[in-house]
Amino acid sequence: MIEGHRISGSIVIVPDDDTKRAIAYAGIRRIAPVLKLCLDTSGVPVVAEIERSSCFPRYDSELVDGVLAWRYRPYEKDGSPVRVCTRITFVYSQRLRP
């Protein structure tokens, strides 16, 4: 798992207030978008793309931007840095308003 090698960037990426209201208005309690993340040999994200949308385009965009800001220690195989890819599931939950 890539998490152990991340050295910077916040893992807390929440929807903006308008999107939170839209989620509530839609009657949704939980969303779990999935992103594909690929790192180059220096640990910099080179691919961050939505594989399963949150169904809220602005939040999807915030997730991609947030993930692209992450930095990692390079992964190595046999002592040489390698490119790696993984998938990340973000889970966002909120209470429904009465």
PDB file of N, CA and C in Angstrom:
ATOM      1  N   MET A   1       0.848  -1.191   0.000  1.00  0.00           N
ATOM      2  CA  MET A   1       0.000   0.000   0.000  1.00  0.00           C
ATOM      3  C   MET A   1       0.887   1.246   0.000  1.00  0.00           C
ATOM      4  N   ILE A   2       0.499   2.245  -0.713  1.00  0.00           N
ATOM      5  CA  ILE A   2       1.303   3.454  -0.852  1.00  0.00           C
ATOM      6  C   ILE A   2       1.303   4.319   0.413  1.00  0.00           C
ATOM      7  N   GLU A   3       0.292   4.260   1.217  1.00  0.00           N
ATOM      8  CA  GLU A   3       0.147   5.140   2.374  1.00  0.00           C
ATOM      9  C   GLU A   3       1.428   5.245   3.195  1.00  0.00           C
ATOM     10  N   GLY A   4       2.123   4.148   3.399  1.00  0.00           N
ATOM     11  CA  GLY A   4       3.292   4.147   4.254  1.00  0.00           C
ATOM     12  C   GLY A   4       4.436   5.002   3.742  1.00  0.00           C
ATOM     13  N   HIS A   5       4.420   5.354   2.454  1.00  0.00           N
ATOM     14  CA  HIS A   5       5.515   6.117   1.878  1.00  0.00           C
ATOM     15  C   HIS A   5       5.175   7.583   1.615  1.00  0.00           C
ATOM     16  N   ARG A   6       3.934   7.990   1.886  1.00  0.00           N
ATOM     17  CA  ARG A   6       3.554   9.395   1.632  1.00  0.00           C
ATOM     18  C   ARG A   6       4.279  10.276   2.645  1.00  0.00           C
ATOM     19  N   ILE A   7       4.905  11.348   2.149  1.00  0.00           N
ATOM     20  CA  ILE A   7       5.669  12.231   3.042  1.00  0.00           C
ATOM     21  C   ILE A   7       5.057  13.625   3.162  1.00  0.00           C
ATOM     22  N   SER A   8       4.130  13.975   2.256  1.00  0.00           N
ATOM     23  CA  SER A   8       3.461  15.268   2.396  1.00  0.00           C
ATOM     24  C   SER A   8       2.143  15.263   1.649  1.00  0.00           C
ATOM     25  N   GLY A   9       1.289  16.194   2.058  1.00  0.00           N
ATOM     26  CA  GLY A   9      -0.036  16.325   1.469  1.00  0.00           C
ATOM     27  C   GLY A   9      -1.094  15.772   2.409  1.00  0.00           C
ATOM     28  N   SER A  10      -2.188  16.473   2.503  1.00  0.00           N
ATOM     29  CA  SER A  10      -3.261  16.079   3.413  1.00  0.00           C
ATOM     30  C   SER A  10      -4.113  14.956   2.833  1.00  0.00           C
ATOM     31  N   ILE A  11      -4.401  13.959   3.679  1.00  0.00           N
ATOM     32  CA  ILE A  11      -5.299  12.888   3.259  1.00  0.00           C
ATOM     33  C   ILE A  11      -6.759  13.261   3.499  1.00  0.00           C
ATOM     34  N   VAL A  12      -6.986  14.361   4.197  1.00  0.00           N
ATOM     35  CA  VAL A  12      -8.349  14.817   4.474  1.00  0.00           C
ATOM     36  C   VAL A  12      -8.756  15.788   3.365  1.00  0.00           C
ATOM     37  N   ILE A  13      -9.579  15.277   2.458  1.00  0.00           N
ATOM     38  CA  ILE A  13     -10.061  16.095   1.349  1.00  0.00           C
ATOM     39  C   ILE A  13     -11.584  16.000   1.381  1.00  0.00           C
ATOM     40  N   VAL A  14     -12.214  17.050   1.891  1.00  0.00           N
ATOM     41  CA  VAL A  14     -13.671  17.038   2.045  1.00  0.00           C
ATOM     42  C   VAL A  14     -14.311  17.945   0.995  1.00  0.00           C
ATOM     43  N   PRO A  15     -15.572  17.681   0.691  1.00  0.00           N
ATOM     44  CA  PRO A  15     -16.270  18.538  -0.276  1.00  0.00           C
ATOM     45  C   PRO A  15     -16.411  19.965   0.236  1.00  0.00           C
ATOM     46  N   ASP A  16     -16.510  20.908  -0.698  1.00  0.00           N
ATOM     47  CA  ASP A  16     -16.789  22.288  -0.309  1.00  0.00           C
ATOM     48  C   ASP A  16     -18.230  22.375   0.200  1.00  0.00           C
ATOM     49  N   ASP A  17     -18.588  23.498   0.788  1.00  0.00           N
ATOM     50  CA  ASP A  17     -19.905  23.638   1.418  1.00  0.00           C
ATOM     51  C   ASP A  17     -21.062  23.463   0.431  1.00  0.00           C
ATOM     52  N   ASP A  18     -20.922  23.987  -0.781  1.00  0.00           N
ATOM     53  CA  ASP A  18     -21.994  23.819  -1.765  1.00  0.00           C
ATOM     54  C   ASP A  18     -22.203  22.347  -2.099  1.00  0.00           C
ATOM     55  N   THR A  19     -21.117  21.620  -2.233  1.00  0.00           N
ATOM     56  CA  THR A  19     -21.227  20.189  -2.532  1.00  0.00           C
ATOM     57  C   THR A  19     -21.808  19.435  -1.339  1.00  0.00           C
ATOM     58  N   LYS A  20     -21.432  19.815  -0.136  1.00  0.00           N
ATOM     59  CA  LYS A  20     -22.023  19.183   1.048  1.00  0.00           C
ATOM     60  C   LYS A  20     -23.542  19.372   1.051  1.00  0.00           C
ATOM     61  N   ARG A  21     -23.995  20.575   0.695  1.00  0.00           N
ATOM     62  CA  ARG A  21     -25.435  20.826   0.636  1.00  0.00           C
ATOM     63  C   ARG A  21     -26.090  19.991  -0.463  1.00  0.00           C
ATOM     64  N   ALA A  22     -25.426  19.879  -1.593  1.00  0.00           N
ATOM     65  CA  ALA A  22     -25.966  19.076  -2.701  1.00  0.00           C
ATOM     66  C   ALA A  22     -26.067  17.602  -2.303  1.00  0.00           C
ATOM     67  N   ILE A  23     -25.077  17.108  -1.580  1.00  0.00           N
ATOM     68  CA  ILE A  23     -25.105  15.725  -1.099  1.00  0.00           C
ATOM     69  C   ILE A  23     -26.298  15.531  -0.167  1.00  0.00           C
ATOM     70  N   ALA A  24     -26.477  16.469   0.764  1.00  0.00           N
ATOM     71  CA  ALA A  24     -27.599  16.388   1.697  1.00  0.00           C
ATOM     72  C   ALA A  24     -28.939  16.467   0.960  1.00  0.00           C
ATOM     73  N   TYR A  25     -29.040  17.389   0.012  1.00  0.00           N
ATOM     74  CA  TYR A  25     -30.271  17.565  -0.756  1.00  0.00           C
ATOM     75  C   TYR A  25     -30.618  16.291  -1.523  1.00  0.00           C
ATOM     76  N   ALA A  26     -29.605  15.577  -1.991  1.00  0.00           N
ATOM     77  CA  ALA A  26     -29.818  14.326  -2.720  1.00  0.00           C
ATOM     78  C   ALA A  26     -30.166  13.167  -1.786  1.00  0.00           C
ATOM     79  N   GLY A  27     -30.101  13.404  -0.478  1.00  0.00           N
ATOM     80  CA  GLY A  27     -30.436  12.355   0.484  1.00  0.00           C
ATOM     81  C   GLY A  27     -29.366  11.280   0.606  1.00  0.00           C
ATOM     82  N   ILE A  28     -28.131  11.651   0.313  1.00  0.00           N
ATOM     83  CA  ILE A  28     -27.031  10.690   0.348  1.00  0.00           C
ATOM     84  C   ILE A  28     -26.261  10.846   1.656  1.00  0.00           C
ATOM     85  N   ARG A  29     -26.008   9.739   2.313  1.00  0.00           N
ATOM     86  CA  ARG A  29     -25.254   9.757   3.569  1.00  0.00           C
ATOM     87  C   ARG A  29     -23.767   9.529   3.358  1.00  0.00           C
ATOM     88  N   ARG A  30     -23.427   8.738   2.342  1.00  0.00           N
ATOM     89  CA  ARG A  30     -22.035   8.302   2.194  1.00  0.00           C
ATOM     90  C   ARG A  30     -21.690   8.195   0.712  1.00  0.00           C
ATOM     91  N   ILE A  31     -20.510   8.698   0.363  1.00  0.00           N
ATOM     92  CA  ILE A  31     -19.986   8.510  -0.979  1.00  0.00           C
ATOM     93  C   ILE A  31     -18.587   7.926  -0.860  1.00  0.00           C
ATOM     94  N   ALA A  32     -18.191   7.159  -1.861  1.00  0.00           N
ATOM     95  CA  ALA A  32     -16.886   6.497  -1.799  1.00  0.00           C
ATOM     96  C   ALA A  32     -16.235   6.481  -3.183  1.00  0.00           C
ATOM     97  N   PRO A  33     -15.808   7.648  -3.648  1.00  0.00           N
ATOM     98  CA  PRO A  33     -15.136   7.694  -4.947  1.00  0.00           C
ATOM     99  C   PRO A  33     -13.780   6.973  -4.908  1.00  0.00           C
ATOM    100  N   VAL A  34     -13.374   6.483  -6.063  1.00  0.00           N
ATOM    101  CA  VAL A  34     -12.095   5.773  -6.184  1.00  0.00           C
ATOM    102  C   VAL A  34     -11.235   6.494  -7.213  1.00  0.00           C
ATOM    103  N   LEU A  35      -9.974   6.725  -6.853  1.00  0.00           N
ATOM    104  CA  LEU A  35      -9.014   7.342  -7.761  1.00  0.00           C
ATOM    105  C   LEU A  35      -7.887   6.375  -8.063  1.00  0.00           C
ATOM    106  N   LYS A  36      -7.397   6.440  -9.288  1.00  0.00           N
ATOM    107  CA  LYS A  36      -6.159   5.759  -9.651  1.00  0.00           C
ATOM    108  C   LYS A  36      -5.036   6.763  -9.460  1.00  0.00           C
ATOM    109  N   LEU A  37      -3.966   6.330  -8.803  1.00  0.00           N
ATOM    110  CA  LEU A  37      -2.809   7.181  -8.557  1.00  0.00           C
ATOM    111  C   LEU A  37      -1.556   6.468  -9.036  1.00  0.00           C
ATOM    112  N   CYS A  38      -0.772   7.131  -9.865  1.00  0.00           N
ATOM    113  CA  CYS A  38       0.529   6.606 -10.292  1.00  0.00           C
ATOM    114  C   CYS A  38       1.604   7.616  -9.924  1.00  0.00           C
ATOM    115  N   LEU A  39       2.721   7.097  -9.429  1.00  0.00           N
ATOM    116  CA  LEU A  39       3.861   7.916  -9.030  1.00  0.00           C
ATOM    117  C   LEU A  39       5.029   7.639  -9.952  1.00  0.00           C
ATOM    118  N   ASP A  40       5.801   8.686 -10.238  1.00  0.00           N
ATOM    119  CA  ASP A  40       7.015   8.478 -11.018  1.00  0.00           C
ATOM    120  C   ASP A  40       8.118   7.953 -10.102  1.00  0.00           C
ATOM    121  N   THR A  41       9.289   7.768 -10.641  1.00  0.00           N
ATOM    122  CA  THR A  41      10.379   7.174  -9.860  1.00  0.00           C
ATOM    123  C   THR A  41      10.901   8.078  -8.747  1.00  0.00           C
ATOM    124  N   SER A  42      10.508   9.362  -8.771  1.00  0.00           N
ATOM    125  CA  SER A  42      10.925  10.260  -7.685  1.00  0.00           C
ATOM    126  C   SER A  42       9.842  10.418  -6.617  1.00  0.00           C
ATOM    127  N   GLY A  43       8.691   9.749  -6.788  1.00  0.00           N
ATOM    128  CA  GLY A  43       7.619   9.811  -5.797  1.00  0.00           C
ATOM    129  C   GLY A  43       6.618  10.920  -6.037  1.00  0.00           C
ATOM    130  N   VAL A  44       6.644  11.503  -7.225  1.00  0.00           N
ATOM    131  CA  VAL A  44       5.717  12.578  -7.573  1.00  0.00           C
ATOM    132  C   VAL A  44       4.528  11.983  -8.352  1.00  0.00           C
ATOM    133  N   PRO A  45       3.288  12.319  -7.981  1.00  0.00           N
ATOM    134  CA  PRO A  45       2.142  11.828  -8.738  1.00  0.00           C
ATOM    135  C   PRO A  45       2.173  12.327 -10.186  1.00  0.00           C
ATOM    136  N   VAL A  46       2.000  11.393 -11.106  1.00  0.00           N
ATOM    137  CA  VAL A  46       1.940  11.745 -12.524  1.00  0.00           C
ATOM    138  C   VAL A  46       0.579  11.414 -13.123  1.00  0.00           C
ATOM    139  N   VAL A  47      -0.179  10.570 -12.433  1.00  0.00           N
ATOM    140  CA  VAL A  47      -1.542  10.237 -12.848  1.00  0.00           C
ATOM    141  C   VAL A  47      -2.415  10.262 -11.602  1.00  0.00           C
ATOM    142  N   ALA A  48      -3.505  10.997 -11.679  1.00  0.00           N
ATOM    143  CA  ALA A  48      -4.537  10.972 -10.642  1.00  0.00           C
ATOM    144  C   ALA A  48      -5.846  11.125 -11.396  1.00  0.00           C
ATOM    145  N   GLU A  49      -6.581  10.032 -11.495  1.00  0.00           N
ATOM    146  CA  GLU A  49      -7.816  10.091 -12.270  1.00  0.00           C
ATOM    147  C   GLU A  49      -8.929   9.341 -11.546  1.00  0.00           C
ATOM    148  N   ILE A  50     -10.127   9.817 -11.769  1.00  0.00           N
ATOM    149  CA  ILE A  50     -11.306   9.228 -11.145  1.00  0.00           C
ATOM    150  C   ILE A  50     -11.626   7.900 -11.825  1.00  0.00           C
ATOM    151  N   GLU A  51     -11.724   6.849 -11.036  1.00  0.00           N
ATOM    152  CA  GLU A  51     -12.168   5.557 -11.566  1.00  0.00           C
ATOM    153  C   GLU A  51     -13.624   5.290 -11.196  1.00  0.00           C
ATOM    154  N   ARG A  52     -14.043   5.768 -10.043  1.00  0.00           N
ATOM    155  CA  ARG A  52     -15.460   5.713  -9.657  1.00  0.00           C
ATOM    156  C   ARG A  52     -15.806   7.082  -9.089  1.00  0.00           C
ATOM    157  N   SER A  53     -16.695   7.749  -9.768  1.00  0.00           N
ATOM    158  CA  SER A  53     -17.037   9.126  -9.410  1.00  0.00           C
ATOM    159  C   SER A  53     -17.826   9.193  -8.107  1.00  0.00           C
ATOM    160  N   SER A  54     -17.707  10.338  -7.472  1.00  0.00           N
ATOM    161  CA  SER A  54     -18.534  10.638  -6.301  1.00  0.00           C
ATOM    162  C   SER A  54     -19.936  11.040  -6.738  1.00  0.00           C
ATOM    163  N   CYS A  55     -20.103  11.290  -8.041  1.00  0.00           N
ATOM    164  CA  CYS A  55     -21.329  11.826  -8.654  1.00  0.00           C
ATOM    165  C   CYS A  55     -21.477  13.326  -8.389  1.00  0.00           C
ATOM    166  N   PHE A  56     -20.430  13.935  -7.864  1.00  0.00           N
ATOM    167  CA  PHE A  56     -20.392  15.367  -7.619  1.00  0.00           C
ATOM    168  C   PHE A  56     -19.103  15.891  -8.249  1.00  0.00           C
ATOM    169  N   PRO A  57     -19.188  16.407  -9.475  1.00  0.00           N
ATOM    170  CA  PRO A  57     -17.991  16.771 -10.245  1.00  0.00           C
ATOM    171  C   PRO A  57     -17.019  17.696  -9.513  1.00  0.00           C
ATOM    172  N   ARG A  58     -17.545  18.644  -8.759  1.00  0.00           N
ATOM    173  CA  ARG A  58     -16.639  19.558  -8.053  1.00  0.00           C
ATOM    174  C   ARG A  58     -15.805  18.805  -7.023  1.00  0.00           C
ATOM    175  N   TYR A  59     -16.423  17.865  -6.313  1.00  0.00           N
ATOM    176  CA  TYR A  59     -15.677  17.071  -5.332  1.00  0.00           C
ATOM    177  C   TYR A  59     -14.659  16.173  -6.037  1.00  0.00           C
ATOM    178  N   ASP A  60     -15.048  15.562  -7.152  1.00  0.00           N
ATOM    179  CA  ASP A  60     -14.092  14.755  -7.913  1.00  0.00           C
ATOM    180  C   ASP A  60     -12.865  15.589  -8.275  1.00  0.00           C
ATOM    181  N   SER A  61     -13.087  16.807  -8.713  1.00  0.00           N
ATOM    182  CA  SER A  61     -11.990  17.696  -9.086  1.00  0.00           C
ATOM    183  C   SER A  61     -11.118  18.036  -7.878  1.00  0.00           C
ATOM    184  N   GLU A  62     -11.748  18.277  -6.728  1.00  0.00           N
ATOM    185  CA  GLU A  62     -10.998  18.566  -5.501  1.00  0.00           C
ATOM    186  C   GLU A  62     -10.128  17.372  -5.107  1.00  0.00           C
ATOM    187  N   LEU A  63     -10.664  16.167  -5.275  1.00  0.00           N
ATOM    188  CA  LEU A  63      -9.896  14.971  -4.944  1.00  0.00           C
ATOM    189  C   LEU A  63      -8.666  14.839  -5.842  1.00  0.00           C
ATOM    190  N   VAL A  64      -8.866  15.014  -7.142  1.00  0.00           N
ATOM    191  CA  VAL A  64      -7.743  14.911  -8.080  1.00  0.00           C
ATOM    192  C   VAL A  64      -6.683  15.959  -7.742  1.00  0.00           C
ATOM    193  N   ASP A  65      -7.100  17.205  -7.535  1.00  0.00           N
ATOM    194  CA  ASP A  65      -6.144  18.267  -7.198  1.00  0.00           C
ATOM    195  C   ASP A  65      -5.405  17.958  -5.898  1.00  0.00           C
ATOM    196  N   GLY A  66      -6.140  17.472  -4.900  1.00  0.00           N
ATOM    197  CA  GLY A  66      -5.521  17.144  -3.614  1.00  0.00           C
ATOM    198  C   GLY A  66      -4.492  16.035  -3.720  1.00  0.00           C
ATOM    199  N   VAL A  67      -4.832  14.990  -4.462  1.00  0.00           N
ATOM    200  CA  VAL A  67      -3.925  13.856  -4.623  1.00  0.00           C
ATOM    201  C   VAL A  67      -2.680  14.253  -5.424  1.00  0.00           C
ATOM    202  N   LEU A  68      -2.854  15.112  -6.410  1.00  0.00           N
ATOM    203  CA  LEU A  68      -1.696  15.559  -7.190  1.00  0.00           C
ATOM    204  C   LEU A  68      -0.701  16.369  -6.350  1.00  0.00           C
ATOM    205  N   ALA A  69      -1.145  16.891  -5.216  1.00  0.00           N
ATOM    206  CA  ALA A  69      -0.261  17.648  -4.325  1.00  0.00           C
ATOM    207  C   ALA A  69       0.518  16.743  -3.366  1.00  0.00           C
ATOM    208  N   TRP A  70       0.154  15.467  -3.296  1.00  0.00           N
ATOM    209  CA  TRP A  70       0.864  14.551  -2.410  1.00  0.00           C
ATOM    210  C   TRP A  70       2.273  14.283  -2.931  1.00  0.00           C
ATOM    211  N   ARG A  71       3.161  13.959  -2.006  1.00  0.00           N
ATOM    212  CA  ARG A  71       4.516  13.551  -2.354  1.00  0.00           C
ATOM    213  C   ARG A  71       4.872  12.296  -1.556  1.00  0.00           C
ATOM    214  N   TYR A  72       5.685  11.462  -2.164  1.00  0.00           N
ATOM    215  CA  TYR A  72       6.061  10.168  -1.587  1.00  0.00           C
ATOM    216  C   TYR A  72       7.564   9.978  -1.627  1.00  0.00           C
ATOM    217  N   ARG A  73       8.055   9.150  -0.695  1.00  0.00           N
ATOM    218  CA  ARG A  73       9.412   8.627  -0.844  1.00  0.00           C
ATOM    219  C   ARG A  73       9.365   7.672  -2.022  1.00  0.00           C
ATOM    220  N   PRO A  74      10.387   7.669  -2.852  1.00  0.00           N
ATOM    221  CA  PRO A  74      10.369   6.756  -3.998  1.00  0.00           C
ATOM    222  C   PRO A  74      10.264   5.291  -3.568  1.00  0.00           C
ATOM    223  N   TYR A  75       9.519   4.542  -4.333  1.00  0.00           N
ATOM    224  CA  TYR A  75       9.453   3.094  -4.137  1.00  0.00           C
ATOM    225  C   TYR A  75      10.617   2.472  -4.874  1.00  0.00           C
ATOM    226  N   GLU A  76      11.117   1.391  -4.311  1.00  0.00           N
ATOM    227  CA  GLU A  76      12.269   0.741  -4.921  1.00  0.00           C
ATOM    228  C   GLU A  76      12.019  -0.744  -5.125  1.00  0.00           C
ATOM    229  N   LYS A  77      12.645  -1.253  -6.165  1.00  0.00           N
ATOM    230  CA  LYS A  77      12.674  -2.690  -6.419  1.00  0.00           C
ATOM    231  C   LYS A  77      14.123  -3.036  -6.727  1.00  0.00           C
ATOM    232  N   ASP A  78      14.665  -3.952  -5.947  1.00  0.00           N
ATOM    233  CA  ASP A  78      16.067  -4.346  -6.096  1.00  0.00           C
ATOM    234  C   ASP A  78      16.997  -3.135  -6.035  1.00  0.00           C
ATOM    235  N   GLY A  79      16.670  -2.177  -5.163  1.00  0.00           N
ATOM    236  CA  GLY A  79      17.519  -1.018  -4.945  1.00  0.00           C
ATOM    237  C   GLY A  79      17.367   0.114  -5.938  1.00  0.00           C
ATOM    238  N   SER A  80      16.477  -0.040  -6.922  1.00  0.00           N
ATOM    239  CA  SER A  80      16.268   1.012  -7.924  1.00  0.00           C
ATOM    240  C   SER A  80      14.870   1.579  -7.805  1.00  0.00           C
ATOM    241  N   PRO A  81      14.733   2.906  -7.930  1.00  0.00           N
ATOM    242  CA  PRO A  81      13.401   3.508  -7.861  1.00  0.00           C
ATOM    243  C   PRO A  81      12.523   3.005  -9.010  1.00  0.00           C
ATOM    244  N   VAL A  82      11.250   2.782  -8.697  1.00  0.00           N
ATOM    245  CA  VAL A  82      10.303   2.304  -9.697  1.00  0.00           C
ATOM    246  C   VAL A  82       9.037   3.146  -9.676  1.00  0.00           C
ATOM    247  N   ARG A  83       8.359   3.159 -10.779  1.00  0.00           N
ATOM    248  CA  ARG A  83       7.047   3.783 -10.897  1.00  0.00           C
ATOM    249  C   ARG A  83       6.031   2.815 -10.294  1.00  0.00           C
ATOM    250  N   VAL A  84       5.053   3.349  -9.568  1.00  0.00           N
ATOM    251  CA  VAL A  84       4.012   2.511  -8.980  1.00  0.00           C
ATOM    252  C   VAL A  84       2.646   3.136  -9.229  1.00  0.00           C
ATOM    253  N   CYS A  85       1.638   2.287  -9.266  1.00  0.00           N
ATOM    254  CA  CYS A  85       0.247   2.738  -9.378  1.00  0.00           C
ATOM    255  C   CYS A  85      -0.574   2.005  -8.326  1.00  0.00           C
ATOM    256  N   THR A  86      -1.614   2.660  -7.867  1.00  0.00           N
ATOM    257  CA  THR A  86      -2.517   2.078  -6.895  1.00  0.00           C
ATOM    258  C   THR A  86      -3.889   2.718  -7.063  1.00  0.00           C
ATOM    259  N   ARG A  87      -4.842   2.241  -6.309  1.00  0.00           N
ATOM    260  CA  ARG A  87      -6.168   2.834  -6.255  1.00  0.00           C
ATOM    261  C   ARG A  87      -6.441   3.271  -4.821  1.00  0.00           C
ATOM    262  N   ILE A  88      -7.100   4.405  -4.716  1.00  0.00           N
ATOM    263  CA  ILE A  88      -7.400   4.969  -3.399  1.00  0.00           C
ATOM    264  C   ILE A  88      -8.897   5.204  -3.322  1.00  0.00           C
ATOM    265  N   THR A  89      -9.501   4.695  -2.266  1.00  0.00           N
ATOM    266  CA  THR A  89     -10.923   4.936  -2.022  1.00  0.00           C
ATOM    267  C   THR A  89     -11.047   6.000  -0.942  1.00  0.00           C
ATOM    268  N   PHE A  90     -11.746   7.059  -1.263  1.00  0.00           N
ATOM    269  CA  PHE A  90     -12.046   8.101  -0.297  1.00  0.00           C
ATOM    270  C   PHE A  90     -13.464   7.863   0.189  1.00  0.00           C
ATOM    271  N   VAL A  91     -13.659   7.902   1.487  1.00  0.00           N
ATOM    272  CA  VAL A  91     -15.003   7.734   2.040  1.00  0.00           C
ATOM    273  C   VAL A  91     -15.399   9.034   2.736  1.00  0.00           C
ATOM    274  N   TYR A  92     -16.506   9.598   2.272  1.00  0.00           N
ATOM    275  CA  TYR A  92     -17.026  10.804   2.902  1.00  0.00           C
ATOM    276  C   TYR A  92     -18.448  10.507   3.362  1.00  0.00           C
ATOM    277  N   SER A  93     -18.720  10.789   4.627  1.00  0.00           N
ATOM    278  CA  SER A  93     -20.050  10.568   5.206  1.00  0.00           C
ATOM    279  C   SER A  93     -20.529  11.857   5.864  1.00  0.00           C
ATOM    280  N   GLN A  94     -21.813  12.052   5.814  1.00  0.00           N
ATOM    281  CA  GLN A  94     -22.414  13.159   6.552  1.00  0.00           C
ATOM    282  C   GLN A  94     -23.817  12.741   6.969  1.00  0.00           C
ATOM    283  N   ARG A  95     -24.269  13.362   8.050  1.00  0.00           N
ATOM    284  CA  ARG A  95     -25.625  13.073   8.526  1.00  0.00           C
ATOM    285  C   ARG A  95     -26.636  13.761   7.634  1.00  0.00           C
ATOM    286  N   LEU A  96     -27.744  13.108   7.460  1.00  0.00           N
ATOM    287  CA  LEU A  96     -28.846  13.752   6.739  1.00  0.00           C
ATOM    288  C   LEU A  96     -29.519  14.746   7.683  1.00  0.00           C
ATOM    289  N   ARG A  97     -29.876  15.861   7.130  1.00  0.00           N
ATOM    290  CA  ARG A  97     -30.569  16.860   7.964  1.00  0.00           C
ATOM    291  C   ARG A  97     -32.022  16.463   8.104  1.00  0.00           C
ATOM    292  N   PRO A  98     -32.582  16.642   9.317  1.00  0.00           N
ATOM    293  CA  PRO A  98     -33.994  16.283   9.516  1.00  0.00           C
ATOM    294  C   PRO A  98     -34.940  17.191   8.742  1.00  0.00           C
TER     295      PRO A  98
END
